[in-house]
Amino acid sequence: MTMSTQIHAQDAIRTLTNAFAPMNCLIMAARKGCFSFTLVNEHGIARHSERLYPDQYSSAEPLQAVIERTRQALVA
């Protein structure tokens, strides 16, 4: 993972954590520029899990699309 990719991943993780608070945003398998995030509710139940690739989080627009799509899935 290049330094730039690592910085983008850290920023994306912070953005996801803030976007879905108060749910816990667990980060797993951060490697080769990809990582998975799982949203867990207050009862410890996983509500959503998704793997993200650099093209999904290296700029604001694709990451915002992931957030919006995930929010829609959570209320469905």
C-alpha atoms as a PDB file:
ATOM      1  CA  MET A   1       0.000   0.000   0.000  1.00  0.00           C
ATOM      2  CA  THR A   2       1.529   3.314  -1.006  1.00  0.00           C
ATOM      3  CA  MET A   3       1.634   6.206   1.429  1.00  0.00           C
ATOM      4  CA  SER A   4      -1.001   8.041  -0.618  1.00  0.00           C
ATOM      5  CA  THR A   5      -3.335   5.024  -0.626  1.00  0.00           C
ATOM      6  CA  GLN A   6      -2.799   4.578   3.106  1.00  0.00           C
ATOM      7  CA  ILE A   7      -3.704   8.227   3.780  1.00  0.00           C
ATOM      8  CA  HIS A   8      -6.829   7.938   1.592  1.00  0.00           C
ATOM      9  CA  ALA A   9      -7.828   4.740   3.417  1.00  0.00           C
ATOM     10  CA  GLN A  10      -7.395   6.395   6.826  1.00  0.00           C
ATOM     11  CA  ASP A  11      -9.474   9.378   5.701  1.00  0.00           C
ATOM     12  CA  ALA A  12     -12.176   7.062   4.328  1.00  0.00           C
ATOM     13  CA  ILE A  13     -12.275   5.088   7.580  1.00  0.00           C
ATOM     14  CA  ARG A  14     -12.759   8.317   9.556  1.00  0.00           C
ATOM     15  CA  THR A  15     -15.479   9.448   7.142  1.00  0.00           C
ATOM     16  CA  LEU A  16     -17.318   6.115   7.383  1.00  0.00           C
ATOM     17  CA  THR A  17     -17.040   6.076  11.176  1.00  0.00           C
ATOM     18  CA  ASN A  18     -18.522   9.577  11.388  1.00  0.00           C
ATOM     19  CA  ALA A  19     -21.203   8.940   8.755  1.00  0.00           C
ATOM     20  CA  PHE A  20     -22.652   5.932  10.551  1.00  0.00           C
ATOM     21  CA  ALA A  21     -22.301   6.952  14.197  1.00  0.00           C
ATOM     22  CA  PRO A  22     -23.637   5.891  16.671  1.00  0.00           C
ATOM     23  CA  MET A  23     -23.167   2.452  15.068  1.00  0.00           C
ATOM     24  CA  ASN A  24     -19.711   0.952  15.434  1.00  0.00           C
ATOM     25  CA  CYS A  25     -17.729   0.848  12.210  1.00  0.00           C
ATOM     26  CA  LEU A  26     -15.349  -2.108  12.361  1.00  0.00           C
ATOM     27  CA  ILE A  27     -12.476  -2.201   9.883  1.00  0.00           C
ATOM     28  CA  MET A  28     -11.074  -5.535   8.777  1.00  0.00           C
ATOM     29  CA  ALA A  29      -8.584  -6.956   6.314  1.00  0.00           C
ATOM     30  CA  ALA A  30      -6.864  -3.711   5.390  1.00  0.00           C
ATOM     31  CA  ARG A  31      -4.373  -4.872   2.762  1.00  0.00           C
ATOM     32  CA  LYS A  32      -3.352  -4.249  -0.832  1.00  0.00           C
ATOM     33  CA  GLY A  33      -5.217  -0.957  -0.731  1.00  0.00           C
ATOM     34  CA  CYS A  34      -8.555  -2.595   0.107  1.00  0.00           C
ATOM     35  CA  PHE A  35     -10.399  -2.863   3.382  1.00  0.00           C
ATOM     36  CA  SER A  36     -13.722  -4.132   4.657  1.00  0.00           C
ATOM     37  CA  PHE A  37     -16.033  -2.241   6.942  1.00  0.00           C
ATOM     38  CA  THR A  38     -18.839  -3.715   9.015  1.00  0.00           C
ATOM     39  CA  LEU A  39     -21.497  -1.629  10.744  1.00  0.00           C
ATOM     40  CA  VAL A  40     -22.584  -3.020  14.104  1.00  0.00           C
ATOM     41  CA  ASN A  41     -25.596  -1.705  16.028  1.00  0.00           C
ATOM     42  CA  GLU A  42     -25.884  -1.140  19.785  1.00  0.00           C
ATOM     43  CA  HIS A  43     -26.913  -4.788  20.293  1.00  0.00           C
ATOM     44  CA  GLY A  44     -23.758  -6.115  18.645  1.00  0.00           C
ATOM     45  CA  ILE A  45     -25.598  -7.175  15.496  1.00  0.00           C
ATOM     46  CA  ALA A  46     -23.836  -6.634  12.173  1.00  0.00           C
ATOM     47  CA  ARG A  47     -26.129  -4.577   9.952  1.00  0.00           C
ATOM     48  CA  HIS A  48     -23.960  -4.110   6.854  1.00  0.00           C
ATOM     49  CA  SER A  49     -20.588  -5.290   5.583  1.00  0.00           C
ATOM     50  CA  GLU A  50     -18.759  -4.231   2.454  1.00  0.00           C
ATOM     51  CA  ARG A  51     -15.284  -4.361   0.944  1.00  0.00           C
ATOM     52  CA  LEU A  52     -13.934  -1.120  -0.495  1.00  0.00           C
ATOM     53  CA  TYR A  53     -11.285  -0.723  -3.166  1.00  0.00           C
ATOM     54  CA  PRO A  54      -9.096   2.362  -3.722  1.00  0.00           C
ATOM     55  CA  ASP A  55     -11.266   3.688  -6.567  1.00  0.00           C
ATOM     56  CA  GLN A  56     -14.238   3.721  -4.171  1.00  0.00           C
ATOM     57  CA  TYR A  57     -12.577   5.802  -1.460  1.00  0.00           C
ATOM     58  CA  SER A  58      -9.721   7.774  -3.022  1.00  0.00           C
ATOM     59  CA  SER A  59     -12.010  10.745  -3.722  1.00  0.00           C
ATOM     60  CA  ALA A  60     -15.108  12.179  -2.081  1.00  0.00           C
ATOM     61  CA  GLU A  61     -17.759  11.414  -4.725  1.00  0.00           C
ATOM     62  CA  PRO A  62     -17.400   7.609  -4.909  1.00  0.00           C
ATOM     63  CA  LEU A  63     -17.138   7.373  -1.113  1.00  0.00           C
ATOM     64  CA  GLN A  64     -20.278   9.484  -0.720  1.00  0.00           C
ATOM     65  CA  ALA A  65     -22.048   7.122  -3.126  1.00  0.00           C
ATOM     66  CA  VAL A  66     -21.026   4.172  -0.914  1.00  0.00           C
ATOM     67  CA  ILE A  67     -22.372   6.013   2.150  1.00  0.00           C
ATOM     68  CA  GLU A  68     -25.690   6.838   0.464  1.00  0.00           C
ATOM     69  CA  ARG A  69     -26.145   3.307  -0.875  1.00  0.00           C
ATOM     70  CA  THR A  70     -25.362   1.872   2.566  1.00  0.00           C
ATOM     71  CA  ARG A  71     -27.801   4.239   4.295  1.00  0.00           C
ATOM     72  CA  GLN A  72     -30.541   3.139   1.892  1.00  0.00           C
ATOM     73  CA  ALA A  73     -29.751  -0.526   2.571  1.00  0.00           C
ATOM     74  CA  LEU A  74     -29.936   0.054   6.335  1.00  0.00           C
ATOM     75  CA  VAL A  75     -33.467   1.475   6.186  1.00  0.00           C
ATOM     76  CA  ALA A  76     -34.760  -1.127   3.706  1.00  0.00           C
END
